[in-house]
Each structure stands twice: as structure tokens, then as C-alpha cells.
């Protein structure tokens, strides 16, 4: 009987150890499953994060590309505007020089010196051109033309020394 009790206690001990082993195994299995699930979730989150990052990098690259294109277009537009403004200035300067040449011819040719009468005539012409650009009034232009015709009839328009010298030569 003694051997029976020892055998029975040994069997009871084995059953208790087996139960503890099974419980420990189940506990470790549960931890393994939880760890596996967390690893999968983390992997999925990492994949989503990578995709978002790639999308952000691509959109940043596209934005930079679009920005560089817009900057290039803007620079080209500025260059075109500068070029057209320079062209307009050049054309305006050429017109002024042509007008000055015509007035010099009218006042006695290219040898005539630029005296105050020439400067006054140029100033009046420039003012008339400005008035014409601003108002484009036909009445104003016709009135000025009439006044100039009257001034040329009574001789006040020919007040330059060259014109006076011509008149003196005609009279003698």
C-alpha cells in the first residue's frame, strides 16, 4: 500500500505538472498569437505609411515640377514684357528723332543751331502730340491748326533768326 500511495501521489504530481504545462503552453500560444497579430497590424500600418509617404513624395515632386514650369513661364513673360517695353521706347525715340529732324529741316536745315525758338517749337509739338494721345479731340486739333495758320500769316511763327535773315534777303 505504501507503494500504491507513492504511485498515486506520483501520478497526481504528473497530472498537476501536465496541467501546469498545458496552461503554460496555452498562455505562450496566446502570447504568440497576440504578438503575431500585433506584428501583422504593425506591418500593415507600415505599408500604409510607406504608401502615404510615396504619394507625398510624388506629389511634392509634381508640385516642384509645376512650380519650376510656372517660374520659367513667368521669367519668359517678364522677358517678353521687357523686350516689348524696350521696343516701344526705341520706337518712341526714333519718332522723336525723326520729328526733330523734320523740324530742323523746316527751320533751316541740319546746319541750323538749336536756339530757344527751336526748343519752343519742339515743346509745342510735343505738347500737341501728348494732347492728341490723351484726348484725341478733333476740335482741339483743328483749333490749333487754325491758330498756327493765323500765326504764319501775320509772321509771328517765323521769329527765328534764320527766317528773319531770309525775309531781309527777300526785301533787299
Protein backbone atom coordinates (compact mmCIF):
# COMPACT_ATOMS: atom_id res chain seq x y z
CA UNK A 1 0.00 0.00 0.00
CA UNK A 2 2.77 2.27 0.64
CA UNK A 3 3.84 1.80 -2.91
CA UNK A 4 0.33 2.47 -4.06
CA UNK A 5 0.13 5.81 -2.22
CA UNK A 6 3.53 6.86 -3.58
CA UNK A 7 2.48 5.83 -7.08
CA UNK A 8 -0.81 7.65 -6.72
CA UNK A 9 0.91 10.80 -5.42
CA UNK A 10 3.43 10.50 -8.24
CA UNK A 11 0.57 10.23 -10.74
CA UNK A 12 -1.20 13.18 -9.12
CA UNK A 13 2.03 15.13 -9.34
CA UNK A 14 2.36 14.19 -13.00
CA UNK A 15 -1.24 15.29 -13.70
CA UNK A 16 -0.62 18.60 -11.90
CA UNK A 17 2.64 19.13 -13.86
CA UNK A 18 0.85 18.22 -17.09
CA UNK A 19 -1.94 20.70 -16.33
CA UNK A 20 0.55 23.39 -15.50
CA UNK A 21 2.44 22.60 -18.70
CA UNK A 22 -0.77 22.75 -20.75
CA UNK A 23 -1.75 26.05 -19.12
CA UNK A 24 1.73 27.43 -19.75
CA UNK A 25 1.61 26.22 -23.35
CA UNK A 26 -1.81 27.84 -23.87
CA UNK A 27 -0.54 31.06 -22.29
CA UNK A 28 2.50 31.11 -24.55
CA UNK A 29 0.33 30.21 -27.57
CA UNK A 30 -1.98 33.13 -26.74
CA UNK A 31 1.00 35.45 -26.39
CA UNK A 32 2.40 34.18 -29.69
CA UNK A 33 -0.91 34.80 -31.46
CA UNK A 34 -1.18 38.30 -29.94
CA UNK A 35 2.39 39.07 -30.93
CA UNK A 36 1.77 37.75 -34.44
CA UNK A 37 -1.40 39.84 -34.73
CA UNK A 38 0.40 42.96 -33.49
CA UNK A 39 3.24 42.29 -35.93
CA UNK A 40 0.78 41.97 -38.82
CA UNK A 41 -1.03 45.15 -37.77
CA UNK A 42 2.26 46.99 -37.47
CA UNK A 43 3.35 45.65 -40.86
CA UNK A 44 0.08 46.81 -42.44
CA UNK A 45 0.39 50.21 -40.78
CA UNK A 46 3.97 50.42 -42.02
CA UNK A 47 2.86 49.56 -45.56
CA UNK A 48 0.11 52.19 -45.42
CA UNK A 49 2.60 54.69 -44.05
CA UNK A 50 5.07 53.86 -46.84
CA UNK A 51 2.35 54.30 -49.47
CA UNK A 52 1.34 57.65 -47.98
CA UNK A 53 4.96 58.71 -47.87
CA UNK A 54 5.49 57.70 -51.52
CA UNK A 55 2.33 59.55 -52.53
CA UNK A 56 3.53 62.63 -50.61
CA UNK A 57 6.97 62.43 -52.22
CA UNK A 58 5.45 62.05 -55.69
CA UNK A 59 3.03 64.94 -55.15
CA UNK A 60 5.89 67.07 -53.81
CA UNK A 61 7.90 66.25 -56.93
CA UNK A 62 4.95 67.07 -59.16
CA UNK A 63 4.40 70.32 -57.27
CA UNK A 64 8.06 71.26 -57.59
CA UNK A 65 7.94 70.48 -61.29
CA UNK A 66 4.82 72.59 -61.78
CA UNK A 67 6.36 75.40 -59.75
CA UNK A 68 9.52 75.33 -61.84
CA UNK A 69 7.43 75.40 -65.03
CA UNK A 70 5.46 78.37 -63.71
CA UNK A 71 8.66 80.14 -62.73
CA UNK A 72 10.05 79.54 -66.20
CA UNK A 73 6.87 80.83 -67.83
CA UNK A 74 6.88 83.86 -65.51
CA UNK A 75 10.52 84.61 -66.36
CA UNK A 76 9.76 84.28 -70.08
CA UNK A 77 6.75 86.57 -69.73
CA UNK A 78 8.84 89.15 -67.88
CA UNK A 79 11.50 88.93 -70.59
CA UNK A 80 8.87 89.40 -73.28
CA UNK A 81 7.42 92.39 -71.42
CA UNK A 82 10.88 93.91 -71.01
CA UNK A 83 11.63 93.32 -74.67
CA UNK A 84 8.34 94.86 -75.79
CA UNK A 85 8.85 97.84 -73.47
CA UNK A 86 12.36 98.34 -74.87
CA UNK A 87 10.96 98.09 -78.39
CA UNK A 88 8.31 100.71 -77.59
CA UNK A 89 10.94 103.01 -76.09
CA UNK A 90 13.17 102.56 -79.12
CA UNK A 91 10.26 103.28 -81.49
CA UNK A 92 9.29 106.35 -79.49
CA UNK A 93 12.89 107.60 -79.53
CA UNK A 94 13.08 107.05 -83.31
CA UNK A 95 9.86 109.02 -83.78
CA UNK A 96 11.20 111.85 -81.64
CA UNK A 97 14.45 111.94 -83.62
CA UNK A 98 12.55 111.92 -86.92
CA UNK A 99 10.29 114.73 -85.72
CA UNK A 100 13.31 116.70 -84.54
CA UNK A 101 14.94 116.20 -87.94
CA UNK A 102 11.81 117.41 -89.74
CA UNK A 103 11.60 120.50 -87.53
CA UNK A 104 15.29 121.21 -88.06
CA UNK A 105 14.73 121.00 -91.82
CA UNK A 106 11.73 123.33 -91.53
CA UNK A 107 13.75 125.83 -89.51
CA UNK A 108 16.67 126.00 -91.90
CA UNK A 109 18.24 122.62 -92.47
CA UNK A 110 20.60 120.45 -90.47
CA UNK A 111 23.08 123.32 -90.10
CA UNK A 112 20.63 125.41 -88.10
CA UNK A 113 21.65 125.59 -84.50
CA UNK A 114 19.29 124.71 -81.72
CA UNK A 115 18.21 128.00 -80.34
CA UNK A 116 15.39 128.85 -78.00
CA UNK A 117 12.93 129.18 -80.90
CA UNK A 118 13.67 125.59 -81.95
CA UNK A 119 13.20 124.41 -78.39
CA UNK A 120 9.87 126.26 -78.09
CA UNK A 121 8.62 124.78 -81.36
CA UNK A 122 9.64 121.28 -80.25
CA UNK A 123 7.93 121.81 -76.90
CA UNK A 124 4.69 122.94 -78.57
CA UNK A 125 4.81 119.96 -80.95
CA UNK A 126 5.43 117.56 -78.08
CA UNK A 127 2.51 119.08 -76.15
CA UNK A 128 0.27 118.75 -79.20
CA UNK A 129 1.27 115.12 -79.60
CA UNK A 130 0.53 114.48 -75.91
CA UNK A 131 -2.84 116.21 -76.20
CA UNK A 132 -3.62 114.20 -79.28
CA UNK A 133 -2.73 110.96 -77.47
CA UNK A 134 -4.74 111.83 -74.35
CA UNK A 135 -7.84 113.45 -75.81
CA UNK A 136 -7.81 112.68 -79.50
CA UNK A 137 -10.08 115.69 -79.88
CA UNK A 138 -10.55 116.75 -83.49
CA UNK A 139 -11.89 120.17 -82.40
CA UNK A 140 -8.74 120.91 -80.43
CA UNK A 141 -6.52 119.87 -83.30
CA UNK A 142 -8.44 121.98 -85.81
CA UNK A 143 -8.34 125.00 -83.46
CA UNK A 144 -4.56 124.64 -83.04
CA UNK A 145 -4.13 124.32 -86.81
CA UNK A 146 -6.16 127.49 -87.34
CA UNK A 147 -4.06 129.37 -84.77
CA UNK A 148 -0.87 128.17 -86.41
CA UNK A 149 -2.19 129.31 -89.80
CA UNK A 150 -3.02 132.73 -88.35
CA UNK A 151 0.44 132.95 -86.77
CA UNK A 152 2.09 132.08 -90.05
CA UNK A 153 0.02 134.75 -91.87
CA UNK A 154 0.98 137.55 -89.50
CA UNK A 155 4.62 136.38 -89.32
CA UNK A 156 4.83 135.60 -85.60
CA UNK A 157 5.58 131.96 -86.35
CA UNK A 158 8.72 132.90 -88.29
CA UNK A 159 10.52 134.51 -85.35
CA UNK A 160 13.72 132.55 -85.77
CA UNK A 161 16.86 134.44 -86.76
CA UNK A 162 17.18 132.31 -89.89
CA UNK A 163 13.65 133.18 -91.03
CA UNK A 164 14.30 136.87 -90.31
CA UNK A 165 17.50 136.71 -92.33
CA UNK A 166 15.61 135.16 -95.29
CA UNK A 167 12.99 137.92 -95.13
CA UNK A 168 15.70 140.54 -95.04
CA UNK A 169 17.32 138.93 -98.09
CA UNK A 170 13.97 138.94 -99.93
CA UNK A 171 13.34 142.58 -99.10
CA UNK A 172 16.71 143.73 -100.42
